[in-house]
Amino acid sequence: NGNTTSITQSNVTDSVASIYQTASGNRGTIVQSDGSNLSAYINPLNTVGTGQNNVAQISQSGNDQFMTITQGSTGGMIIEDTGGSSNSATAVQAGSFNTATIGQPGSYNVALLSQTGNGASAADTNTALIDQSGTGHHASLSQTGHLLEATLLQTGTDHFAESNQQGSDGLSWISQT
């Protein structure tokens, strides 16, 4: 409980960084800069991670980067930020009161974000944001549960965006400019 893990890699090629979070109140951060063909994972072997109120953050700059974060339970926060081209970001959360943000400036980046509520009649209150700027991005956001909020922002040209919500009291907003 309450652990902090940080990995920093710079000026590297073909590298992998992984953090595993269990229990509650943990913070995991991976920073990869000025590299290519880099991969970053937080909870890669857990289907949805474990614990409550965990924060997972990955920041990458460069080209051909790949990142995945999975979290489960309650109150998780995901922040994925990647700049460059041909990058892929995936965020998966299960449970309630979760927040996920993916930011991707550059070109030809892919963002996939999925949030699944706890399945009970109580409010899930999950919030998701994908923000992409540049050219040729693909964004896909899927939410299941109650009291959901999804925002997809894309500025530039030649983008694709889709948002799918199942449940009640959902709000989905897509802006392409």
Protein backbone atom coordinates (compact mmCIF):
# COMPACT_ATOMS: atom_id res chain seq x y z
CA ASN A 1 0.00 0.00 0.00
CA GLY A 2 1.13 3.55 -0.78
CA ASN A 3 4.11 2.57 -2.90
CA THR A 4 5.73 4.76 -5.58
CA THR A 5 7.57 3.30 -8.55
CA SER A 6 9.25 5.32 -11.29
CA ILE A 7 11.14 4.26 -14.41
CA THR A 8 12.94 6.73 -16.70
CA GLN A 9 14.54 5.81 -20.02
CA SER A 10 16.04 8.26 -22.51
CA ASN A 11 17.93 7.98 -25.78
CA VAL A 12 17.23 4.26 -26.11
CA THR A 13 15.86 1.97 -28.81
CA ASP A 14 13.89 -1.27 -28.55
CA SER A 15 13.40 -1.05 -24.77
CA VAL A 16 10.60 -2.28 -22.49
CA ALA A 17 9.57 -0.86 -19.09
CA SER A 18 7.02 -2.56 -16.80
CA ILE A 19 5.46 -1.74 -13.41
CA TYR A 20 3.18 -4.07 -11.43
CA GLN A 21 0.71 -2.55 -8.93
CA THR A 22 -1.18 -4.51 -6.29
CA ALA A 23 -2.92 -3.29 -3.12
CA SER A 24 -4.09 0.35 -2.81
CA GLY A 25 -2.84 3.93 -2.99
CA ASN A 26 0.09 3.20 -5.30
CA ARG A 27 1.66 5.46 -7.94
CA GLY A 28 3.49 4.10 -10.98
CA THR A 29 5.22 6.38 -13.51
CA ILE A 30 7.13 5.48 -16.68
CA VAL A 31 8.91 8.18 -18.72
CA GLN A 32 10.50 7.25 -22.04
CA SER A 33 12.01 10.07 -24.10
CA ASP A 34 13.96 10.53 -27.31
CA GLY A 35 13.75 6.90 -28.36
CA SER A 36 12.10 4.61 -30.86
CA ASN A 37 10.35 1.24 -30.71
CA LEU A 38 9.74 1.60 -26.96
CA SER A 39 7.11 -0.27 -24.94
CA ALA A 40 5.70 0.66 -21.54
CA TYR A 41 3.30 -1.44 -19.44
CA ILE A 42 1.65 -0.96 -16.08
CA ASN A 43 -0.03 -4.15 -14.82
CA PRO A 44 0.59 -6.01 -18.08
CA LEU A 45 -0.22 -9.48 -16.75
CA ASN A 46 -3.34 -8.56 -14.78
CA THR A 47 -6.53 -8.44 -16.77
CA VAL A 48 -7.65 -5.36 -14.86
CA GLY A 49 -5.00 -4.77 -12.18
CA THR A 50 -5.89 -4.79 -8.48
CA GLY A 51 -6.31 -2.39 -5.59
CA GLN A 52 -7.98 0.97 -5.08
CA ASN A 53 -7.00 4.59 -5.68
CA ASN A 54 -3.94 3.70 -7.76
CA VAL A 55 -2.38 6.20 -10.18
CA ALA A 56 -0.67 5.00 -13.35
CA GLN A 57 1.12 7.40 -15.69
CA ILE A 58 3.13 6.82 -18.87
CA SER A 59 4.80 9.58 -20.87
CA GLN A 60 6.58 8.87 -24.16
CA SER A 61 8.17 10.98 -26.88
CA GLY A 62 9.42 9.67 -30.19
CA ASN A 63 8.09 7.33 -32.84
CA ASP A 64 6.69 3.79 -32.92
CA GLN A 65 5.92 3.68 -29.17
CA PHE A 66 3.47 1.32 -27.47
CA MET A 67 1.87 1.70 -24.03
CA THR A 68 -0.73 -0.26 -22.06
CA ILE A 69 -2.20 0.32 -18.59
CA THR A 70 -4.79 -1.92 -16.92
CA GLN A 71 -6.50 -1.13 -13.60
CA GLY A 72 -9.28 -2.61 -11.56
CA SER A 73 -11.41 -1.80 -8.52
CA THR A 74 -12.20 1.77 -7.43
CA GLY A 75 -10.79 5.25 -7.82
CA GLY A 76 -8.04 4.52 -10.35
CA MET A 77 -6.42 7.23 -12.45
CA ILE A 78 -4.65 6.68 -15.79
CA ILE A 79 -2.65 9.34 -17.62
CA GLU A 80 -1.02 8.40 -20.93
CA ASP A 81 0.81 11.02 -22.96
CA THR A 82 2.71 10.26 -26.12
CA GLY A 83 4.05 12.65 -28.74
CA GLY A 84 5.39 11.69 -32.15
CA SER A 85 4.10 9.43 -34.88
CA SER A 86 2.80 5.86 -35.18
CA ASN A 87 2.28 5.48 -31.43
CA SER A 88 -0.32 3.26 -29.74
CA ALA A 89 -1.92 3.88 -26.33
CA THR A 90 -4.29 1.44 -24.61
CA ALA A 91 -6.05 2.01 -21.28
CA VAL A 92 -8.36 -0.53 -19.60
CA GLN A 93 -10.19 0.15 -16.32
CA ALA A 94 -12.78 -1.84 -14.38
CA GLY A 95 -14.76 -0.69 -11.36
CA SER A 96 -16.09 2.68 -10.19
CA PHE A 97 -14.91 6.27 -9.88
CA ASN A 98 -12.12 5.81 -12.42
CA THR A 99 -10.55 8.49 -14.62
CA ALA A 100 -8.51 7.92 -17.79
CA THR A 101 -6.78 10.48 -20.03
CA ILE A 102 -4.85 9.84 -23.24
CA GLY A 103 -3.08 12.76 -24.97
CA GLN A 104 -1.48 12.26 -28.38
CA PRO A 105 0.00 15.10 -30.42
CA GLY A 106 1.70 14.11 -33.68
CA SER A 107 0.56 11.93 -36.55
CA TYR A 108 -0.93 8.48 -37.18
CA ASN A 109 -1.41 7.63 -33.50
CA VAL A 110 -3.96 5.15 -32.11
CA ALA A 111 -5.79 5.49 -28.77
CA LEU A 112 -7.99 2.70 -27.37
CA LEU A 113 -9.75 3.29 -24.06
CA SER A 114 -12.17 0.92 -22.27
CA GLN A 115 -13.96 1.36 -18.96
CA THR A 116 -16.30 -1.24 -17.45
CA GLY A 117 -18.38 -0.47 -14.36
CA ASN A 118 -18.85 -2.79 -11.43
CA GLY A 119 -22.18 -4.15 -12.70
CA ALA A 120 -24.11 -3.21 -9.56
CA SER A 121 -27.00 -0.78 -9.49
CA ALA A 122 -24.77 1.83 -7.82
CA ALA A 123 -23.23 4.61 -9.87
CA ASP A 124 -19.96 3.80 -11.64
CA THR A 125 -19.08 7.45 -12.36
CA ASN A 126 -16.24 6.71 -14.80
CA THR A 127 -14.72 9.54 -16.87
CA ALA A 128 -12.61 9.24 -20.03
CA LEU A 129 -10.79 11.75 -22.27
CA ILE A 130 -8.87 11.20 -25.51
CA ASP A 131 -7.18 14.33 -26.92
CA GLN A 132 -5.34 14.03 -30.26
CA SER A 133 -3.86 16.74 -32.47
CA GLY A 134 -2.10 16.48 -35.82
CA THR A 135 -2.87 14.17 -38.74
CA GLY A 136 -4.41 10.74 -39.27
CA HIS A 137 -5.29 9.69 -35.72
CA HIS A 138 -7.64 6.87 -34.65
CA ALA A 139 -9.55 7.02 -31.36
CA SER A 140 -11.92 4.40 -29.93
CA LEU A 141 -13.62 4.77 -26.56
CA SER A 142 -15.92 2.18 -24.95
CA GLN A 143 -17.75 2.50 -21.61
CA THR A 144 -20.20 0.23 -19.80
CA GLY A 145 -22.05 1.15 -16.60
CA HIS A 146 -23.91 4.10 -15.07
CA LEU A 147 -23.12 7.83 -14.92
CA LEU A 148 -20.45 7.76 -17.64
CA GLU A 149 -18.68 10.65 -19.33
CA ALA A 150 -16.63 10.35 -22.54
CA THR A 151 -14.85 13.13 -24.43
CA LEU A 152 -12.94 12.72 -27.71
CA LEU A 153 -11.13 15.80 -29.03
CA GLN A 154 -9.33 15.73 -32.37
CA THR A 155 -7.75 18.73 -34.09
CA GLY A 156 -6.12 18.53 -37.51
CA THR A 157 -7.00 16.39 -40.51
CA ASP A 158 -7.89 12.82 -41.51
CA HIS A 159 -9.04 11.54 -38.12
CA PHE A 160 -11.35 8.69 -37.07
CA ALA A 161 -13.27 8.70 -33.77
CA GLU A 162 -15.84 6.36 -32.24
CA SER A 163 -17.52 6.28 -28.86
CA ASN A 164 -19.71 3.47 -27.54
CA GLN A 165 -21.60 3.62 -24.23
CA GLN A 166 -23.81 0.92 -22.74
CA GLY A 167 -25.79 1.60 -19.60
CA SER A 168 -27.67 4.58 -18.23
CA ASP A 169 -27.03 8.29 -17.75
CA GLY A 170 -24.08 8.49 -20.15
CA LEU A 171 -22.69 11.59 -21.83
CA SER A 172 -20.49 11.28 -24.91
CA TRP A 173 -18.96 14.21 -26.78
CA ILE A 174 -16.84 14.11 -29.95
CA SER A 175 -15.21 17.22 -31.40
CA GLN A 176 -13.23 17.20 -34.64
CA THR A 177 -11.85 20.52 -35.85
